[in-house]
Every structure is written in C-alpha cells, then in structure tokens.
N, C-alpha and C. Protein backbone atom coordinates (compact mmCIF):
# COMPACT_ATOMS: atom_id res chain seq x y z
N MET A 1 0.83 -1.21 0.00
CA MET A 1 0.00 0.00 0.00
C MET A 1 0.86 1.26 0.00
N ARG A 2 2.05 1.15 0.59
CA ARG A 2 2.94 2.29 0.63
C ARG A 2 3.32 2.74 -0.78
N GLU A 3 3.44 1.75 -1.70
CA GLU A 3 3.80 2.08 -3.08
C GLU A 3 2.72 2.92 -3.75
N LEU A 4 1.47 2.72 -3.34
CA LEU A 4 0.36 3.43 -3.96
C LEU A 4 0.44 4.93 -3.69
N PHE A 5 0.99 5.29 -2.55
CA PHE A 5 1.06 6.70 -2.17
C PHE A 5 2.48 7.26 -2.29
N SER A 6 3.36 6.50 -2.92
CA SER A 6 4.74 6.94 -3.08
C SER A 6 4.83 8.00 -4.18
N ARG A 7 5.38 9.15 -3.83
CA ARG A 7 5.54 10.22 -4.81
C ARG A 7 6.47 9.78 -5.94
N GLU A 8 7.48 8.99 -5.59
CA GLU A 8 8.43 8.52 -6.60
C GLU A 8 7.74 7.63 -7.63
N LYS A 9 6.84 6.73 -7.17
CA LYS A 9 6.15 5.84 -8.09
C LYS A 9 5.23 6.62 -9.03
N TRP A 10 4.54 7.63 -8.49
CA TRP A 10 3.66 8.45 -9.33
C TRP A 10 4.48 9.27 -10.33
N ARG A 11 5.61 9.80 -9.89
CA ARG A 11 6.47 10.55 -10.77
C ARG A 11 6.98 9.66 -11.90
N TYR A 12 7.32 8.42 -11.55
CA TYR A 12 7.82 7.51 -12.59
C TYR A 12 6.70 7.08 -13.53
N LEU A 13 5.48 7.03 -13.04
CA LEU A 13 4.34 6.74 -13.92
C LEU A 13 4.25 7.78 -15.03
N PHE A 14 4.32 9.06 -14.66
CA PHE A 14 4.23 10.13 -15.67
C PHE A 14 5.45 10.10 -16.59
N TYR A 15 6.61 9.72 -16.05
CA TYR A 15 7.79 9.59 -16.91
C TYR A 15 7.58 8.47 -17.92
N THR A 16 7.01 7.36 -17.46
CA THR A 16 6.78 6.22 -18.35
C THR A 16 5.79 6.58 -19.46
N ILE A 17 4.75 7.33 -19.12
CA ILE A 17 3.76 7.71 -20.11
C ILE A 17 4.37 8.62 -21.18
N SER A 18 5.29 9.48 -20.78
CA SER A 18 5.90 10.41 -21.73
C SER A 18 7.15 9.83 -22.40
N HIS A 19 7.78 8.82 -21.78
CA HIS A 19 8.97 8.17 -22.34
C HIS A 19 8.79 6.65 -22.23
N PRO A 20 7.84 6.08 -22.98
CA PRO A 20 7.49 4.67 -22.77
C PRO A 20 8.62 3.68 -23.04
N MET A 21 9.46 3.94 -24.04
CA MET A 21 10.53 3.00 -24.35
C MET A 21 11.48 2.84 -23.17
N ASP A 22 11.94 3.96 -22.63
CA ASP A 22 12.84 3.91 -21.47
C ASP A 22 12.10 3.51 -20.20
N GLY A 23 10.90 4.06 -20.02
CA GLY A 23 10.15 3.82 -18.80
C GLY A 23 9.86 2.35 -18.56
N PHE A 24 9.33 1.67 -19.56
CA PHE A 24 8.99 0.26 -19.39
C PHE A 24 10.25 -0.61 -19.31
N TYR A 25 11.30 -0.18 -19.98
CA TYR A 25 12.56 -0.95 -19.90
C TYR A 25 13.08 -0.99 -18.47
N TRP A 26 13.09 0.16 -17.80
CA TRP A 26 13.61 0.21 -16.44
C TRP A 26 12.63 -0.37 -15.43
N ILE A 27 11.35 -0.43 -15.79
CA ILE A 27 10.39 -1.13 -14.93
C ILE A 27 10.77 -2.60 -14.83
N ARG A 28 11.21 -3.15 -15.95
CA ARG A 28 11.60 -4.57 -15.96
C ARG A 28 12.96 -4.79 -15.31
N HIS A 29 13.92 -3.90 -15.55
CA HIS A 29 15.29 -4.16 -15.15
C HIS A 29 15.70 -3.49 -13.84
N GLN A 30 14.93 -2.52 -13.36
CA GLN A 30 15.29 -1.87 -12.11
C GLN A 30 14.13 -1.78 -11.11
N GLU A 31 13.07 -2.55 -11.36
CA GLU A 31 11.95 -2.61 -10.42
C GLU A 31 11.38 -1.22 -10.14
N ARG A 32 11.22 -0.40 -11.19
CA ARG A 32 10.77 0.97 -10.99
C ARG A 32 9.24 1.10 -10.93
N GLY A 33 8.53 0.05 -11.32
CA GLY A 33 7.07 0.12 -11.35
C GLY A 33 6.43 -0.35 -10.05
N SER A 34 5.11 -0.30 -10.01
CA SER A 34 4.35 -0.70 -8.83
C SER A 34 3.09 -1.44 -9.23
N VAL A 35 2.97 -2.68 -8.78
CA VAL A 35 1.77 -3.47 -9.08
C VAL A 35 0.54 -2.84 -8.41
N ALA A 36 0.72 -2.37 -7.16
CA ALA A 36 -0.40 -1.74 -6.44
C ALA A 36 -0.92 -0.53 -7.20
N LEU A 37 0.00 0.28 -7.73
CA LEU A 37 -0.40 1.45 -8.50
C LEU A 37 -1.08 1.04 -9.79
N ALA A 38 -0.58 -0.01 -10.43
CA ALA A 38 -1.18 -0.49 -11.68
C ALA A 38 -2.62 -0.96 -11.45
N VAL A 39 -2.85 -1.70 -10.37
CA VAL A 39 -4.21 -2.16 -10.06
C VAL A 39 -5.11 -0.96 -9.75
N PHE A 40 -4.59 0.01 -9.01
CA PHE A 40 -5.35 1.22 -8.72
C PHE A 40 -5.74 1.94 -10.01
N LEU A 41 -4.83 2.00 -10.98
CA LEU A 41 -5.11 2.68 -12.25
C LEU A 41 -6.19 1.93 -13.04
N VAL A 42 -6.21 0.61 -12.92
CA VAL A 42 -7.26 -0.16 -13.58
C VAL A 42 -8.62 0.14 -12.93
N ILE A 43 -8.65 0.22 -11.61
CA ILE A 43 -9.88 0.58 -10.91
C ILE A 43 -10.31 2.00 -11.28
N LEU A 44 -9.33 2.90 -11.39
CA LEU A 44 -9.62 4.27 -11.81
C LEU A 44 -10.18 4.30 -13.23
N PHE A 45 -9.63 3.47 -14.10
CA PHE A 45 -10.15 3.36 -15.47
C PHE A 45 -11.62 2.94 -15.46
N SER A 46 -11.95 1.94 -14.64
CA SER A 46 -13.32 1.48 -14.56
C SER A 46 -14.24 2.60 -14.07
N ALA A 47 -13.79 3.35 -13.05
CA ALA A 47 -14.60 4.45 -12.51
C ALA A 47 -14.82 5.54 -13.55
N CYS A 48 -13.77 5.88 -14.29
CA CYS A 48 -13.89 6.93 -15.32
C CYS A 48 -14.78 6.47 -16.48
N PHE A 49 -14.67 5.20 -16.83
CA PHE A 49 -15.51 4.65 -17.89
C PHE A 49 -16.98 4.70 -17.49
N THR A 50 -17.26 4.28 -16.26
CA THR A 50 -18.64 4.31 -15.77
C THR A 50 -19.15 5.74 -15.66
N ALA A 51 -18.30 6.65 -15.18
CA ALA A 51 -18.70 8.05 -15.06
C ALA A 51 -19.04 8.64 -16.43
N ASN A 52 -18.27 8.27 -17.43
CA ASN A 52 -18.55 8.75 -18.78
C ASN A 52 -19.91 8.25 -19.27
N ARG A 53 -20.21 6.99 -18.99
CA ARG A 53 -21.50 6.43 -19.41
C ARG A 53 -22.66 7.09 -18.68
N LEU A 54 -22.42 7.48 -17.43
CA LEU A 54 -23.49 8.09 -16.63
C LEU A 54 -23.66 9.58 -16.87
N LEU A 55 -22.55 10.28 -17.09
CA LEU A 55 -22.58 11.74 -17.07
C LEU A 55 -22.41 12.41 -18.44
N ALA A 56 -22.03 11.64 -19.45
CA ALA A 56 -21.87 12.24 -20.78
C ALA A 56 -23.20 12.82 -21.25
N SER A 57 -23.13 13.92 -21.95
CA SER A 57 -24.33 14.61 -22.42
C SER A 57 -25.16 13.72 -23.34
N PHE A 58 -26.46 13.95 -23.34
CA PHE A 58 -27.36 13.19 -24.21
C PHE A 58 -27.05 13.43 -25.69
N VAL A 59 -26.31 14.49 -25.97
CA VAL A 59 -25.95 14.79 -27.36
C VAL A 59 -25.03 13.71 -27.93
N VAL A 60 -24.18 13.16 -27.07
CA VAL A 60 -23.21 12.16 -27.53
C VAL A 60 -23.51 10.76 -27.01
N SER A 61 -24.47 10.64 -26.11
CA SER A 61 -24.74 9.33 -25.52
C SER A 61 -26.24 9.14 -25.34
N ASP A 62 -26.72 7.95 -25.68
CA ASP A 62 -28.14 7.63 -25.50
C ASP A 62 -28.32 6.47 -24.52
N ILE A 63 -27.33 6.29 -23.63
CA ILE A 63 -27.38 5.19 -22.67
C ILE A 63 -28.36 5.50 -21.55
N ASP A 64 -29.19 4.54 -21.24
CA ASP A 64 -30.12 4.67 -20.12
C ASP A 64 -29.33 4.49 -18.81
N GLU A 65 -29.31 5.51 -17.98
CA GLU A 65 -28.53 5.47 -16.74
C GLU A 65 -28.95 4.32 -15.83
N ARG A 66 -30.19 3.90 -15.94
CA ARG A 66 -30.69 2.82 -15.07
C ARG A 66 -30.07 1.47 -15.43
N THR A 67 -29.48 1.37 -16.61
CA THR A 67 -28.86 0.10 -17.03
C THR A 67 -27.39 0.02 -16.64
N VAL A 68 -26.84 1.10 -16.07
CA VAL A 68 -25.42 1.14 -15.72
C VAL A 68 -25.24 0.66 -14.28
N ASN A 69 -24.46 -0.39 -14.12
CA ASN A 69 -24.16 -0.95 -12.80
C ASN A 69 -22.66 -0.82 -12.56
N SER A 70 -22.26 0.15 -11.75
CA SER A 70 -20.84 0.44 -11.56
C SER A 70 -20.09 -0.73 -10.92
N ALA A 71 -20.72 -1.41 -9.95
CA ALA A 71 -20.06 -2.53 -9.28
C ALA A 71 -19.82 -3.68 -10.26
N TYR A 72 -20.81 -3.96 -11.10
CA TYR A 72 -20.67 -5.02 -12.10
C TYR A 72 -19.58 -4.67 -13.11
N GLU A 73 -19.54 -3.41 -13.54
CA GLU A 73 -18.53 -2.99 -14.51
C GLU A 73 -17.13 -3.04 -13.92
N LEU A 74 -17.00 -2.67 -12.64
CA LEU A 74 -15.70 -2.75 -11.98
C LEU A 74 -15.23 -4.20 -11.89
N LEU A 75 -16.13 -5.09 -11.50
CA LEU A 75 -15.78 -6.51 -11.40
C LEU A 75 -15.39 -7.06 -12.76
N THR A 76 -16.11 -6.66 -13.81
CA THR A 76 -15.81 -7.13 -15.16
C THR A 76 -14.44 -6.65 -15.61
N VAL A 77 -14.14 -5.37 -15.36
CA VAL A 77 -12.84 -4.81 -15.75
C VAL A 77 -11.71 -5.53 -15.03
N LEU A 78 -11.86 -5.77 -13.73
CA LEU A 78 -10.81 -6.44 -12.96
C LEU A 78 -10.59 -7.88 -13.44
N ILE A 79 -11.68 -8.57 -13.74
CA ILE A 79 -11.56 -9.95 -14.24
C ILE A 79 -10.86 -9.96 -15.60
N LEU A 80 -11.25 -9.04 -16.49
CA LEU A 80 -10.61 -8.97 -17.81
C LEU A 80 -9.13 -8.63 -17.67
N TYR A 81 -8.82 -7.75 -16.75
CA TYR A 81 -7.42 -7.37 -16.50
C TYR A 81 -6.60 -8.58 -16.05
N ILE A 82 -7.12 -9.32 -15.10
CA ILE A 82 -6.41 -10.51 -14.61
C ILE A 82 -6.25 -11.55 -15.71
N LEU A 83 -7.31 -11.78 -16.47
CA LEU A 83 -7.25 -12.78 -17.54
C LEU A 83 -6.27 -12.38 -18.63
N LEU A 84 -6.23 -11.08 -18.97
CA LEU A 84 -5.27 -10.62 -19.98
C LEU A 84 -3.84 -10.81 -19.50
N CYS A 85 -3.58 -10.49 -18.25
CA CYS A 85 -2.23 -10.66 -17.69
C CYS A 85 -1.82 -12.13 -17.71
N VAL A 86 -2.71 -12.99 -17.25
CA VAL A 86 -2.41 -14.42 -17.21
C VAL A 86 -2.25 -14.98 -18.62
N SER A 87 -3.10 -14.54 -19.54
CA SER A 87 -3.03 -15.02 -20.92
C SER A 87 -1.70 -14.64 -21.56
N ASN A 88 -1.29 -13.38 -21.39
CA ASN A 88 -0.02 -12.94 -21.97
C ASN A 88 1.15 -13.65 -21.33
N TRP A 89 1.10 -13.82 -20.02
CA TRP A 89 2.18 -14.51 -19.32
C TRP A 89 2.30 -15.96 -19.79
N SER A 90 1.16 -16.65 -19.96
CA SER A 90 1.19 -18.05 -20.38
C SER A 90 1.76 -18.20 -21.80
N VAL A 91 1.45 -17.23 -22.67
CA VAL A 91 1.96 -17.28 -24.04
C VAL A 91 3.45 -16.94 -24.08
N THR A 92 3.85 -15.89 -23.38
CA THR A 92 5.23 -15.44 -23.45
C THR A 92 6.18 -16.40 -22.75
N CYS A 93 5.68 -17.18 -21.80
CA CYS A 93 6.53 -18.21 -21.18
C CYS A 93 7.00 -19.23 -22.22
N LEU A 94 6.17 -19.45 -23.24
CA LEU A 94 6.50 -20.41 -24.29
C LEU A 94 7.28 -19.76 -25.43
N MET A 95 7.39 -18.43 -25.40
CA MET A 95 8.05 -17.71 -26.50
C MET A 95 9.26 -16.92 -26.00
N ASN A 96 9.88 -17.43 -24.95
CA ASN A 96 11.12 -16.85 -24.42
C ASN A 96 10.97 -15.39 -24.00
N GLY A 97 9.81 -15.03 -23.48
CA GLY A 97 9.62 -13.68 -22.97
C GLY A 97 10.32 -13.50 -21.64
N GLU A 98 10.93 -12.34 -21.45
CA GLU A 98 11.68 -12.07 -20.23
C GLU A 98 10.81 -11.48 -19.12
N GLY A 99 9.64 -11.00 -19.47
CA GLY A 99 8.79 -10.33 -18.50
C GLY A 99 8.13 -11.30 -17.53
N ARG A 100 8.01 -10.85 -16.28
CA ARG A 100 7.30 -11.63 -15.27
C ARG A 100 5.84 -11.20 -15.26
N LEU A 101 5.03 -11.94 -14.52
CA LEU A 101 3.61 -11.63 -14.44
C LEU A 101 3.40 -10.22 -13.89
N LYS A 102 4.19 -9.81 -12.90
CA LYS A 102 4.07 -8.48 -12.32
C LYS A 102 4.43 -7.40 -13.34
N ASP A 103 5.42 -7.67 -14.21
CA ASP A 103 5.79 -6.69 -15.24
C ASP A 103 4.66 -6.50 -16.24
N ILE A 104 4.01 -7.60 -16.60
CA ILE A 104 2.87 -7.53 -17.53
C ILE A 104 1.73 -6.74 -16.90
N ALA A 105 1.45 -7.01 -15.62
CA ALA A 105 0.38 -6.31 -14.91
C ALA A 105 0.66 -4.81 -14.86
N ILE A 106 1.91 -4.43 -14.64
CA ILE A 106 2.27 -3.02 -14.60
C ILE A 106 2.12 -2.38 -15.97
N ALA A 107 2.59 -3.07 -17.02
CA ALA A 107 2.51 -2.53 -18.38
C ALA A 107 1.07 -2.26 -18.79
N ILE A 108 0.18 -3.21 -18.52
CA ILE A 108 -1.23 -3.03 -18.90
C ILE A 108 -1.89 -1.98 -18.01
N GLY A 109 -1.61 -2.02 -16.71
CA GLY A 109 -2.20 -1.05 -15.80
C GLY A 109 -1.80 0.38 -16.11
N TYR A 110 -0.51 0.60 -16.35
CA TYR A 110 -0.04 1.94 -16.67
C TYR A 110 -0.63 2.45 -17.98
N GLY A 111 -0.85 1.53 -18.92
CA GLY A 111 -1.41 1.92 -20.21
C GLY A 111 -2.84 2.41 -20.14
N THR A 112 -3.54 2.07 -19.06
CA THR A 112 -4.94 2.51 -18.94
C THR A 112 -5.06 3.96 -18.46
N PHE A 113 -3.97 4.52 -17.91
CA PHE A 113 -4.07 5.86 -17.32
C PHE A 113 -4.45 6.94 -18.33
N PRO A 114 -3.81 7.02 -19.50
CA PRO A 114 -4.23 8.04 -20.47
C PRO A 114 -5.68 7.88 -20.90
N ILE A 115 -6.16 6.64 -20.97
CA ILE A 115 -7.55 6.42 -21.35
C ILE A 115 -8.49 6.95 -20.27
N SER A 116 -8.12 6.75 -19.01
CA SER A 116 -8.94 7.28 -17.92
C SER A 116 -9.02 8.80 -17.99
N VAL A 117 -7.87 9.44 -18.22
CA VAL A 117 -7.84 10.90 -18.32
C VAL A 117 -8.71 11.39 -19.46
N VAL A 118 -8.64 10.69 -20.57
CA VAL A 118 -9.42 11.10 -21.75
C VAL A 118 -10.92 10.93 -21.51
N PHE A 119 -11.30 9.89 -20.78
CA PHE A 119 -12.72 9.71 -20.47
C PHE A 119 -13.24 10.90 -19.65
N VAL A 120 -12.43 11.37 -18.71
CA VAL A 120 -12.83 12.53 -17.91
C VAL A 120 -12.94 13.78 -18.78
N ILE A 121 -11.94 14.01 -19.62
CA ILE A 121 -11.95 15.18 -20.51
C ILE A 121 -13.14 15.11 -21.47
N ALA A 122 -13.36 13.94 -22.05
CA ALA A 122 -14.47 13.78 -22.99
C ALA A 122 -15.82 14.00 -22.32
N THR A 123 -15.95 13.54 -21.08
CA THR A 123 -17.21 13.74 -20.34
C THR A 123 -17.47 15.23 -20.13
N ILE A 124 -16.43 15.98 -19.79
CA ILE A 124 -16.58 17.43 -19.60
C ILE A 124 -16.90 18.11 -20.92
N VAL A 125 -16.18 17.75 -21.96
CA VAL A 125 -16.39 18.36 -23.28
C VAL A 125 -17.80 18.09 -23.79
N SER A 126 -18.33 16.90 -23.48
CA SER A 126 -19.66 16.53 -23.97
C SER A 126 -20.75 17.48 -23.49
N GLN A 127 -20.49 18.18 -22.38
CA GLN A 127 -21.49 19.08 -21.84
C GLN A 127 -21.60 20.37 -22.66
N PHE A 128 -20.64 20.61 -23.55
CA PHE A 128 -20.60 21.87 -24.28
C PHE A 128 -20.72 21.72 -25.80
N VAL A 129 -20.74 20.48 -26.30
CA VAL A 129 -20.79 20.29 -27.75
C VAL A 129 -22.23 20.29 -28.24
N ALA A 130 -22.41 20.76 -29.46
CA ALA A 130 -23.71 20.74 -30.11
C ALA A 130 -23.82 19.49 -30.97
N ASP A 131 -25.00 19.33 -31.59
CA ASP A 131 -25.24 18.13 -32.39
C ASP A 131 -24.22 17.97 -33.52
N ASP A 132 -23.81 19.07 -34.13
CA ASP A 132 -22.90 18.98 -35.26
C ASP A 132 -21.43 19.03 -34.83
N GLU A 133 -21.17 18.90 -33.52
CA GLU A 133 -19.80 18.94 -33.02
C GLU A 133 -19.40 17.65 -32.31
N GLN A 134 -20.16 16.59 -32.55
CA GLN A 134 -19.87 15.32 -31.89
C GLN A 134 -18.51 14.75 -32.30
N ALA A 135 -18.02 15.19 -33.47
CA ALA A 135 -16.74 14.69 -33.96
C ALA A 135 -15.60 15.04 -33.00
N PHE A 136 -15.69 16.20 -32.33
CA PHE A 136 -14.67 16.59 -31.37
C PHE A 136 -14.62 15.61 -30.20
N TYR A 137 -15.79 15.24 -29.72
CA TYR A 137 -15.90 14.28 -28.63
C TYR A 137 -15.31 12.92 -29.04
N THR A 138 -15.68 12.46 -30.22
CA THR A 138 -15.18 11.17 -30.71
C THR A 138 -13.68 11.21 -30.93
N LEU A 139 -13.18 12.34 -31.45
CA LEU A 139 -11.75 12.47 -31.70
C LEU A 139 -10.95 12.42 -30.40
N ILE A 140 -11.44 13.08 -29.36
CA ILE A 140 -10.76 13.06 -28.06
C ILE A 140 -10.66 11.63 -27.54
N LEU A 141 -11.77 10.90 -27.58
CA LEU A 141 -11.76 9.52 -27.12
C LEU A 141 -10.82 8.66 -27.96
N ALA A 142 -10.87 8.84 -29.28
CA ALA A 142 -10.06 8.01 -30.18
C ALA A 142 -8.57 8.23 -29.93
N VAL A 143 -8.16 9.48 -29.75
CA VAL A 143 -6.75 9.78 -29.53
C VAL A 143 -6.27 9.18 -28.20
N GLY A 144 -7.06 9.36 -27.15
CA GLY A 144 -6.68 8.84 -25.84
C GLY A 144 -6.61 7.32 -25.81
N ILE A 145 -7.61 6.67 -26.39
CA ILE A 145 -7.63 5.21 -26.41
C ILE A 145 -6.47 4.68 -27.24
N ALA A 146 -6.22 5.31 -28.38
CA ALA A 146 -5.11 4.88 -29.25
C ALA A 146 -3.78 5.00 -28.52
N TYR A 147 -3.59 6.11 -27.81
CA TYR A 147 -2.32 6.30 -27.09
C TYR A 147 -2.17 5.28 -25.96
N GLY A 148 -3.27 4.99 -25.27
CA GLY A 148 -3.22 3.98 -24.22
C GLY A 148 -2.86 2.61 -24.76
N LEU A 149 -3.44 2.24 -25.90
CA LEU A 149 -3.14 0.94 -26.51
C LEU A 149 -1.69 0.89 -27.00
N ILE A 150 -1.19 2.01 -27.52
CA ILE A 150 0.21 2.07 -27.94
C ILE A 150 1.13 1.88 -26.74
N LEU A 151 0.78 2.51 -25.62
CA LEU A 151 1.58 2.34 -24.40
C LEU A 151 1.62 0.88 -23.97
N ILE A 152 0.47 0.22 -24.01
CA ILE A 152 0.43 -1.20 -23.63
C ILE A 152 1.28 -2.03 -24.58
N LEU A 153 1.19 -1.72 -25.89
CA LEU A 153 1.98 -2.44 -26.89
C LEU A 153 3.48 -2.27 -26.62
N ILE A 154 3.92 -1.02 -26.39
CA ILE A 154 5.33 -0.77 -26.10
C ILE A 154 5.73 -1.42 -24.78
N GLY A 155 4.84 -1.36 -23.79
CA GLY A 155 5.14 -1.97 -22.50
C GLY A 155 5.38 -3.46 -22.61
N ILE A 156 4.50 -4.15 -23.33
CA ILE A 156 4.66 -5.60 -23.53
C ILE A 156 5.95 -5.89 -24.28
N MET A 157 6.24 -5.07 -25.29
CA MET A 157 7.45 -5.27 -26.09
C MET A 157 8.70 -5.10 -25.24
N GLN A 158 8.72 -4.09 -24.38
CA GLN A 158 9.92 -3.79 -23.60
C GLN A 158 10.14 -4.79 -22.46
N VAL A 159 9.07 -5.15 -21.76
CA VAL A 159 9.27 -6.06 -20.61
C VAL A 159 9.67 -7.46 -21.05
N HIS A 160 9.29 -7.83 -22.29
CA HIS A 160 9.66 -9.16 -22.79
C HIS A 160 10.90 -9.12 -23.68
N ASN A 161 11.37 -7.90 -23.99
CA ASN A 161 12.53 -7.73 -24.88
C ASN A 161 12.25 -8.35 -26.25
N TYR A 162 11.07 -8.02 -26.80
CA TYR A 162 10.67 -8.50 -28.11
C TYR A 162 10.88 -7.42 -29.17
N THR A 163 10.87 -7.88 -30.43
CA THR A 163 10.75 -6.94 -31.54
C THR A 163 9.27 -6.58 -31.71
N MET A 164 8.99 -5.55 -32.50
CA MET A 164 7.61 -5.15 -32.71
C MET A 164 6.80 -6.27 -33.38
N GLY A 165 7.41 -6.92 -34.36
CA GLY A 165 6.71 -8.01 -35.05
C GLY A 165 6.36 -9.15 -34.12
N LYS A 166 7.31 -9.55 -33.28
CA LYS A 166 7.06 -10.65 -32.34
C LYS A 166 6.03 -10.23 -31.30
N THR A 167 6.04 -8.96 -30.93
CA THR A 167 5.05 -8.46 -29.96
C THR A 167 3.65 -8.57 -30.53
N LEU A 168 3.47 -8.18 -31.79
CA LEU A 168 2.15 -8.26 -32.41
C LEU A 168 1.67 -9.71 -32.51
N VAL A 169 2.58 -10.62 -32.87
CA VAL A 169 2.22 -12.04 -32.91
C VAL A 169 1.83 -12.53 -31.52
N THR A 170 2.60 -12.11 -30.53
CA THR A 170 2.32 -12.50 -29.15
C THR A 170 0.96 -12.01 -28.69
N LEU A 171 0.60 -10.78 -29.07
CA LEU A 171 -0.70 -10.24 -28.66
C LEU A 171 -1.85 -11.00 -29.32
N LEU A 172 -1.66 -11.43 -30.56
CA LEU A 172 -2.69 -12.25 -31.22
C LEU A 172 -2.84 -13.59 -30.50
N LEU A 173 -1.72 -14.19 -30.13
CA LEU A 173 -1.77 -15.45 -29.38
C LEU A 173 -2.34 -15.23 -27.99
N THR A 174 -2.08 -14.05 -27.42
CA THR A 174 -2.66 -13.72 -26.11
C THR A 174 -4.18 -13.68 -26.19
N LEU A 175 -4.69 -13.09 -27.27
CA LEU A 175 -6.14 -13.05 -27.47
C LEU A 175 -6.71 -14.46 -27.59
N ALA A 176 -6.00 -15.32 -28.33
CA ALA A 176 -6.44 -16.71 -28.47
C ALA A 176 -6.42 -17.42 -27.12
N ALA A 177 -5.35 -17.21 -26.35
CA ALA A 177 -5.26 -17.83 -25.02
C ALA A 177 -6.35 -17.30 -24.10
N PHE A 178 -6.65 -16.01 -24.22
CA PHE A 178 -7.72 -15.40 -23.42
C PHE A 178 -9.06 -16.09 -23.70
N LEU A 179 -9.34 -16.30 -24.97
CA LEU A 179 -10.60 -16.96 -25.35
C LEU A 179 -10.64 -18.40 -24.85
N VAL A 180 -9.51 -19.08 -24.92
CA VAL A 180 -9.45 -20.46 -24.43
C VAL A 180 -9.70 -20.51 -22.92
N ILE A 181 -9.07 -19.60 -22.18
CA ILE A 181 -9.26 -19.56 -20.72
C ILE A 181 -10.71 -19.27 -20.37
N VAL A 182 -11.32 -18.30 -21.07
CA VAL A 182 -12.73 -17.98 -20.82
C VAL A 182 -13.61 -19.20 -21.11
N PHE A 183 -13.31 -19.90 -22.22
CA PHE A 183 -14.08 -21.10 -22.57
C PHE A 183 -13.95 -22.16 -21.49
N LEU A 184 -12.73 -22.38 -20.99
CA LEU A 184 -12.51 -23.39 -19.95
C LEU A 184 -13.22 -23.02 -18.65
N ILE A 185 -13.20 -21.72 -18.32
CA ILE A 185 -13.89 -21.27 -17.11
C ILE A 185 -15.39 -21.52 -17.22
N LEU A 186 -15.95 -21.16 -18.39
CA LEU A 186 -17.38 -21.39 -18.60
C LEU A 186 -17.71 -22.88 -18.59
N LEU A 187 -16.82 -23.69 -19.18
CA LEU A 187 -17.03 -25.14 -19.21
C LEU A 187 -17.00 -25.71 -17.80
N MET A 188 -16.01 -25.27 -16.98
CA MET A 188 -15.91 -25.76 -15.61
C MET A 188 -17.09 -25.31 -14.78
N THR A 189 -17.52 -24.07 -15.00
CA THR A 189 -18.68 -23.57 -14.26
C THR A 189 -19.93 -24.39 -14.58
N ASN A 190 -20.10 -24.67 -15.87
CA ASN A 190 -21.26 -25.46 -16.29
C ASN A 190 -21.18 -26.88 -15.72
N LEU A 191 -19.97 -27.46 -15.74
CA LEU A 191 -19.78 -28.82 -15.21
C LEU A 191 -20.06 -28.86 -13.72
N MET A 192 -19.56 -27.88 -12.99
CA MET A 192 -19.81 -27.83 -11.55
C MET A 192 -21.29 -27.67 -11.25
N GLY A 193 -21.98 -26.90 -12.09
CA GLY A 193 -23.42 -26.75 -11.92
C GLY A 193 -24.15 -28.06 -12.14
N MET A 194 -23.72 -28.82 -13.15
CA MET A 194 -24.34 -30.12 -13.42
C MET A 194 -24.09 -31.10 -12.29
N VAL A 195 -22.86 -31.10 -11.75
CA VAL A 195 -22.53 -31.99 -10.63
C VAL A 195 -23.36 -31.62 -9.40
N TYR A 196 -23.47 -30.32 -9.16
CA TYR A 196 -24.27 -29.87 -8.00
C TYR A 196 -25.72 -30.31 -8.15
N ASN A 197 -26.28 -30.11 -9.34
CA ASN A 197 -27.68 -30.50 -9.57
C ASN A 197 -27.87 -32.00 -9.43
N PHE A 198 -26.85 -32.79 -9.86
CA PHE A 198 -26.93 -34.25 -9.76
C PHE A 198 -27.01 -34.68 -8.29
N PHE A 199 -26.07 -34.18 -7.48
CA PHE A 199 -26.07 -34.56 -6.07
C PHE A 199 -27.26 -33.97 -5.31
N HIS A 200 -27.70 -32.80 -5.73
CA HIS A 200 -28.87 -32.20 -5.08
C HIS A 200 -30.12 -33.02 -5.36
N SER A 201 -30.22 -33.52 -6.60
CA SER A 201 -31.38 -34.35 -6.91
C SER A 201 -31.34 -35.67 -6.13
N ILE A 202 -30.15 -36.24 -5.96
CA ILE A 202 -30.02 -37.47 -5.17
C ILE A 202 -30.40 -37.19 -3.71
N TYR A 203 -29.92 -36.08 -3.19
CA TYR A 203 -30.24 -35.71 -1.81
C TYR A 203 -31.74 -35.50 -1.63
N THR A 204 -32.36 -34.83 -2.59
CA THR A 204 -33.80 -34.58 -2.52
C THR A 204 -34.58 -35.89 -2.58
N GLU A 205 -34.12 -36.81 -3.46
CA GLU A 205 -34.79 -38.10 -3.58
C GLU A 205 -34.70 -38.91 -2.28
N LEU A 206 -33.53 -38.89 -1.65
CA LEU A 206 -33.33 -39.62 -0.39
C LEU A 206 -34.21 -39.03 0.72
N ILE A 207 -34.32 -37.71 0.76
CA ILE A 207 -35.14 -37.05 1.79
C ILE A 207 -36.59 -37.50 1.66
N PHE A 208 -37.08 -37.51 0.42
CA PHE A 208 -38.48 -37.89 0.23
C PHE A 208 -38.72 -39.38 0.51
N ARG A 209 -37.75 -40.23 0.21
CA ARG A 209 -37.93 -41.66 0.44
C ARG A 209 -37.87 -41.98 1.93
N VAL A 210 -37.02 -41.22 2.67
CA VAL A 210 -36.92 -41.46 4.11
C VAL A 210 -38.17 -40.93 4.82
C-alpha cells in the first residue's frame, strides 16, 4: 500500500507515459514500477468509464442510466485485466519472454491511465458540444484510447525484450489464449453446476424416500 502513495512511483508513472521505451525498460530491469499502483489505475479506469456512461451529455450518448451498474462494470474490468495478464504470461513463457507476471500487470495497468484521463476530458467536453460537433468528442476519445493501446503495446514489447513483429504475434496469441481460458472457465462452471444439480437431486430423492 505504501507504493500506492509513493511520490516517486507516481512521478515515474508520468515519466513512463511520456517516455514509454525507457520507462517500461527500467520497470523490468530496475523494479521501478508498482503493481499496487497499476491495479489502482485499472480501478480508476473502470470508474472513469462508468462516469462517462453516466454523465456524458445526451448529445453524444443515448445510454439509459438505469442500465449502468458500476459494481458489475468494476468486477468485469478487474476480471478482464487478470485474464489478460495471465493469458499474456502463459503465451510469453513459451516464446522466451523475459517479463514476469508483475511486469505484464504493470505494463497493462499503466497503459490505462491516459484512457482514464481522456474519459474525464471527454465527459466534460460533452457538456458543451452541439449536435454537429460530436466529432470533437469522438476524436478526443479516439486519440486517448489509441495512445493507451500504444503504451500497452510498447510496454509488452519492452518487458519481454521482443521486436515489434514478435510483440504483435504474441498479442494475437494472447487473445487466443484469453478466449481459451474464458471457454474453460465457462465449461468448468457449467460442469460444476451439473454436478451440483446431480447430487442435489439425489439428496432430494433420499429425503423424500426417508
């Protein structure tokens, strides 16, 4: 928790965002990053995303506020974050990646920060745009999201010491591994449900016979 409030860690976060090649390299080789800060940034991303859905002007958003569940969205974001980290780690272990699971978590977490900032800016801007000015709102979101994704791409490349080409291949395999993990989780959940129903029916039958 001390890392979360460390001025040095926050200062290095901003350095990494502005100098991603050097920043992510030293995160891997000199332990300059913080997993606690990365997780906090992911939670912040979820909060900013939800705030944008709730508070963006009706000019740019037609979402019914009653359908927005902040707790569910936070849980979903955290689960996706964990699965992405595990998926990338499982793939890179087989492809001679140098990054550890904590390095991957930091790279992805730090990459969400610009997107969070842009969601806040876009939400504020949405209050002042007219119908024919929605392009400004979309452009702000597009630039921020693109920069965040580029940061994640560079982060993965640097912590694993990959070339750009190998990084892109790795990310495609990460997506495949992510889908496989989700499928296995759903399969296990369904199997456990069937086993529970089987034993519950046996228990119910025994109760009635006794």
